[in-house]
Amino acid sequence: MDMDLLIELAVRAVKAYLEKDGTIAAAAPVEPRKALVLTEEHCGETCSIEAYGSELCKVDCALAQNYEVNVDDYDVVVVRSMTNSNLFKIANGCTDNKFLALAAEAILKGKRVIMVKECVEILKYAETAPKALYNNIYKNLQILLDSGVELVEEENVKTALTDGIEIPAEAPKTATVKVEKEEAPAPAPKAENDGSVLVLTKRVVTERDIKAAAAQHYTKIQLPEKPVITYLAKDTAFELGIELL
């Protein structure tokens, strides 16, 4: 059982107990995000819908619907089956089948597009391909990355799909009592910020958070208590020289 799933199950159990006990009120329902998976072949033993879907994100498979889908109906598009040929065609505007057409449309419309790293063929030859040939093919991938496409490892896709979703906090059920009016206490000071420290309050920290901090020239990130940090986020922080506190 992966850590993200374990945390999700633990949170659900505690929430259900507190709601039953009357300690908290049931939270307002969160509208799930919608994601579309683009692939040229079925996913094998585990369907991507089962692997990526959750209460916070509803996942559809374009192949299962013979690609008869509307990209505008989705918040995120996950792209698999990225062969060297497909990479070249999308980067150079050659969309000669439905799979490529939908992928290109999502990018051109500014949709959030996630490309599964393990499904990118050229990356499999990083250690063996002649440098000149590798670089020539890789430049097509770089075009897509420069266009906003995110390269995410398979194990982190599910977390990336729900990144940024705000879950309403449960309101405590309290009895109405008469109390003496008193001044509100002064807010607790935040962690020291000398202009180079970014204070994060969200528990799940992803690659996008690290890159956003780097873009704003932060060199340190103050994490919340008991944070969940994706492997890609840790690698990106190391590569960009950002210290996680």
Protein backbone atom coordinates (compact mmCIF):
# COMPACT_ATOMS: atom_id res chain seq x y z
CA MET A 1 0.00 0.00 0.00
CA ASP A 2 1.53 3.38 -1.01
CA MET A 3 1.91 6.22 1.49
CA ASP A 4 -0.59 8.56 -0.25
CA LEU A 5 -3.34 5.92 -0.11
CA LEU A 6 -2.51 5.10 3.52
CA ILE A 7 -2.81 8.77 4.50
CA GLU A 8 -6.08 9.15 2.57
CA LEU A 9 -7.61 6.11 4.34
CA ALA A 10 -6.47 7.36 7.75
CA VAL A 11 -7.94 10.82 7.15
CA ARG A 12 -11.26 9.30 6.04
CA ALA A 13 -11.45 7.10 9.15
CA VAL A 14 -10.74 9.98 11.54
CA LYS A 15 -13.20 12.25 9.72
CA ALA A 16 -15.97 9.64 9.82
CA TYR A 17 -15.43 9.08 13.55
CA LEU A 18 -15.51 12.81 14.37
CA GLU A 19 -18.65 13.36 12.27
CA LYS A 20 -20.40 10.47 14.00
CA ASP A 21 -19.28 11.72 17.39
CA GLY A 22 -20.63 15.19 16.60
CA THR A 23 -17.27 16.87 17.11
CA ILE A 24 -17.32 18.28 13.59
CA ALA A 25 -19.98 19.04 11.05
CA ALA A 26 -19.89 17.25 7.71
CA ALA A 27 -17.97 19.29 5.15
CA ALA A 28 -19.60 20.61 2.02
CA PRO A 29 -19.00 18.28 -0.94
CA VAL A 30 -16.02 19.12 -3.15
CA GLU A 31 -16.64 19.15 -6.89
CA PRO A 32 -14.23 16.50 -8.26
CA ARG A 33 -11.71 17.46 -10.90
CA LYS A 34 -12.06 15.72 -14.29
CA ALA A 35 -9.09 14.11 -16.01
CA LEU A 36 -8.79 12.49 -19.44
CA VAL A 37 -6.23 9.75 -20.14
CA LEU A 38 -4.87 9.59 -23.69
CA THR A 39 -3.26 6.29 -24.70
CA GLU A 40 -2.94 4.24 -27.88
CA GLU A 41 -3.16 0.90 -26.10
CA HIS A 42 -4.97 -0.41 -23.06
CA CYS A 43 -3.07 -0.11 -19.80
CA GLY A 44 -2.70 -3.82 -19.08
CA GLU A 45 -3.35 -5.35 -15.67
CA THR A 46 -4.39 -2.09 -13.97
CA CYS A 47 -6.59 0.32 -15.89
CA SER A 48 -5.44 3.93 -15.63
CA ILE A 49 -8.95 4.86 -14.48
CA GLU A 50 -8.47 2.66 -11.40
CA ALA A 51 -4.87 3.77 -10.88
CA TYR A 52 -5.44 7.53 -11.15
CA GLY A 53 -9.07 8.00 -10.07
CA SER A 54 -10.15 9.14 -6.60
CA GLU A 55 -12.94 10.98 -4.82
CA LEU A 56 -11.20 14.23 -5.78
CA CYS A 57 -10.62 13.40 -9.42
CA LYS A 58 -12.86 11.54 -11.89
CA VAL A 59 -10.86 9.90 -14.68
CA ASP A 60 -12.03 8.91 -18.18
CA CYS A 61 -10.12 6.91 -20.80
CA ALA A 62 -10.30 8.35 -24.32
CA LEU A 63 -9.44 5.00 -25.91
CA ALA A 64 -12.36 3.30 -24.14
CA GLN A 65 -14.61 5.85 -25.87
CA ASN A 66 -12.89 5.50 -29.24
CA TYR A 67 -11.51 9.02 -28.76
CA GLU A 68 -15.00 10.51 -29.14
CA VAL A 69 -14.44 12.98 -26.31
CA ASN A 70 -14.35 16.75 -25.89
CA VAL A 71 -11.13 18.11 -24.39
CA ASP A 72 -13.02 21.15 -23.10
CA ASP A 73 -14.90 18.88 -20.65
CA TYR A 74 -11.71 18.10 -18.72
CA ASP A 75 -9.44 19.97 -16.33
CA VAL A 76 -6.36 17.79 -16.87
CA VAL A 77 -5.13 15.54 -19.68
CA VAL A 78 -2.73 12.65 -18.97
CA VAL A 79 -0.74 11.50 -22.00
CA ARG A 80 0.76 8.02 -22.31
CA SER A 81 2.08 6.11 -25.41
CA MET A 82 4.64 8.83 -26.21
CA THR A 83 6.76 7.05 -28.82
CA ASN A 84 9.52 8.92 -30.63
CA SER A 85 7.23 9.15 -33.66
CA ASN A 86 4.35 10.59 -31.64
CA LEU A 87 6.70 13.01 -29.94
CA PHE A 88 7.97 14.31 -33.28
CA LYS A 89 4.47 14.65 -34.72
CA ILE A 90 2.98 16.59 -31.82
CA ALA A 91 6.00 18.89 -31.55
CA ASN A 92 5.82 19.64 -35.27
CA GLY A 93 2.05 19.97 -35.62
CA CYS A 94 1.42 16.70 -37.47
CA THR A 95 -1.76 15.26 -35.93
CA ASP A 96 -2.74 12.47 -38.32
CA ASN A 97 -4.84 10.41 -35.90
CA LYS A 98 -7.36 11.01 -33.09
CA PHE A 99 -4.87 10.32 -30.30
CA LEU A 100 -2.40 12.93 -31.58
CA ALA A 101 -5.18 15.39 -32.42
CA LEU A 102 -6.55 15.33 -28.86
CA ALA A 103 -3.09 15.65 -27.31
CA ALA A 104 -2.19 18.61 -29.53
CA GLU A 105 -5.59 20.25 -28.94
CA ALA A 106 -5.13 20.05 -25.15
CA ILE A 107 -1.71 21.71 -25.36
CA LEU A 108 -2.85 24.42 -27.80
CA LYS A 109 -5.87 25.25 -25.61
CA GLY A 110 -3.65 25.72 -22.57
CA LYS A 111 -5.03 22.72 -20.67
CA ARG A 112 -2.91 21.25 -17.94
CA VAL A 113 -1.18 18.31 -19.65
CA ILE A 114 0.71 15.63 -17.72
CA MET A 115 3.01 13.28 -19.62
CA VAL A 116 3.86 9.99 -17.87
CA LYS A 117 7.67 9.83 -17.74
CA GLU A 118 7.89 6.05 -18.07
CA CYS A 119 5.83 6.22 -21.28
CA VAL A 120 8.25 8.56 -23.10
CA GLU A 121 10.27 6.30 -25.41
CA ILE A 122 13.36 8.50 -25.89
CA LEU A 123 14.05 8.61 -22.14
CA LYS A 124 14.55 4.84 -22.15
CA TYR A 125 17.67 5.28 -24.31
CA ALA A 126 19.36 8.00 -22.25
CA GLU A 127 22.29 5.74 -21.38
CA THR A 128 22.72 3.92 -24.69
CA ALA A 129 21.75 6.20 -27.60
CA PRO A 130 24.42 8.13 -29.52
CA LYS A 131 24.46 11.66 -28.10
CA ALA A 132 23.72 13.42 -31.41
CA LEU A 133 20.71 11.22 -32.17
CA TYR A 134 19.41 11.37 -28.60
CA ASN A 135 19.62 15.16 -28.50
CA ASN A 136 17.90 15.47 -31.88
CA ILE A 137 14.90 13.43 -30.67
CA TYR A 138 14.91 14.94 -27.18
CA LYS A 139 14.51 18.45 -28.60
CA ASN A 140 10.93 17.47 -29.57
CA LEU A 141 10.24 16.62 -25.93
CA GLN A 142 11.80 19.91 -24.87
CA ILE A 143 9.41 21.80 -27.17
CA LEU A 144 6.46 20.25 -25.31
CA LEU A 145 7.99 20.91 -21.89
CA ASP A 146 8.61 24.54 -22.87
CA SER A 147 4.94 24.68 -23.90
CA GLY A 148 3.83 23.82 -20.36
CA VAL A 149 3.57 20.02 -20.50
CA GLU A 150 4.54 18.42 -17.16
CA LEU A 151 6.70 15.29 -17.03
CA VAL A 152 5.55 13.22 -14.05
CA GLU A 153 6.63 9.79 -12.85
CA GLU A 154 3.92 7.11 -12.90
CA GLU A 155 3.79 6.77 -9.11
CA ASN A 156 3.16 10.51 -8.70
CA VAL A 157 0.42 10.99 -11.31
CA LYS A 158 -2.47 10.39 -8.90
CA THR A 159 -1.10 12.98 -6.47
CA ALA A 160 -0.47 15.47 -9.30
CA LEU A 161 -4.09 15.15 -10.48
CA THR A 162 -5.42 16.39 -7.14
CA ASP A 163 -2.71 18.96 -6.53
CA GLY A 164 -4.14 22.32 -5.45
CA ILE A 165 -7.69 21.14 -4.69
CA GLU A 166 -8.93 22.99 -1.62
CA ILE A 167 -10.93 20.77 0.76
CA PRO A 168 -13.30 22.83 2.97
CA ALA A 169 -12.46 22.58 6.65
CA GLU A 170 -15.11 21.07 8.90
CA ALA A 171 -16.84 23.62 11.14
CA PRO A 172 -16.81 22.61 14.83
CA LYS A 173 -20.19 22.17 16.48
CA THR A 174 -20.20 24.39 19.55
CA ALA A 175 -22.92 25.22 22.08
CA THR A 176 -24.12 28.83 22.27
CA VAL A 177 -22.84 30.31 25.53
CA LYS A 178 -22.56 33.84 26.88
CA VAL A 179 -18.97 34.94 27.21
CA GLU A 180 -17.27 38.14 28.16
CA LYS A 181 -16.01 40.07 25.13
CA GLU A 182 -12.28 40.17 24.95
CA GLU A 183 -9.77 41.33 22.44
CA ALA A 184 -8.61 38.78 19.91
CA PRO A 185 -5.09 37.53 20.55
CA ALA A 186 -2.38 38.73 18.23
CA PRO A 187 -1.72 36.34 15.34
CA ALA A 188 1.14 33.94 15.82
CA PRO A 189 4.23 35.06 13.94
CA LYS A 190 5.12 33.14 10.81
CA ALA A 191 8.46 31.55 10.30
CA GLU A 192 11.22 34.11 9.82
CA ASN A 193 11.22 35.32 6.25
CA ASP A 194 14.24 37.24 5.09
CA GLY A 195 12.92 37.44 1.53
CA SER A 196 14.33 34.09 0.49
CA VAL A 197 12.07 31.76 2.53
CA LEU A 198 8.68 30.68 1.18
CA VAL A 199 6.19 29.50 3.82
CA LEU A 200 3.90 26.72 2.58
CA THR A 201 0.71 25.74 4.39
CA LYS A 202 -0.46 22.91 2.10
CA ARG A 203 0.50 19.40 3.25
CA VAL A 204 1.12 17.80 -0.16
CA VAL A 205 4.17 19.36 -1.81
CA THR A 206 4.74 18.64 -5.51
CA GLU A 207 7.18 19.52 -8.26
CA ARG A 208 4.95 22.46 -9.29
CA ASP A 209 5.35 24.04 -5.84
CA ILE A 210 9.15 23.77 -6.04
CA LYS A 211 9.29 25.27 -9.54
CA ALA A 212 6.93 28.07 -8.51
CA ALA A 213 9.21 28.90 -5.57
CA ALA A 214 12.27 28.89 -7.84
CA ALA A 215 10.52 31.20 -10.31
CA GLN A 216 10.03 33.68 -7.46
CA HIS A 217 13.72 33.38 -6.51
CA TYR A 218 13.15 31.65 -3.17
CA THR A 219 16.08 29.55 -1.93
CA LYS A 220 14.31 27.96 1.05
CA ILE A 221 10.82 26.55 1.65
CA GLN A 222 9.32 26.33 5.14
CA LEU A 223 7.18 23.17 5.14
CA PRO A 224 4.08 22.59 7.32
CA GLU A 225 4.01 19.98 10.07
CA LYS A 226 4.06 16.37 8.76
CA PRO A 227 4.25 17.27 5.04
CA VAL A 228 3.82 14.77 2.20
CA ILE A 229 6.55 15.46 -0.38
CA THR A 230 6.56 13.67 -3.74
CA TYR A 231 9.80 12.11 -4.94
CA LEU A 232 9.80 14.40 -7.99
CA ALA A 233 9.45 17.43 -5.71
CA LYS A 234 12.50 16.32 -3.68
CA ASP A 235 14.56 15.77 -6.85
CA THR A 236 13.52 19.14 -8.28
CA ALA A 237 14.39 20.94 -5.03
CA PHE A 238 17.83 19.31 -5.05
CA GLU A 239 18.42 20.20 -8.71
CA LEU A 240 17.33 23.83 -8.22
CA GLY A 241 19.27 24.25 -4.96
CA ILE A 242 16.20 24.90 -2.81
CA GLU A 243 16.44 23.90 0.85
CA LEU A 244 13.36 22.28 2.42
CA LEU A 245 12.99 23.32 6.06
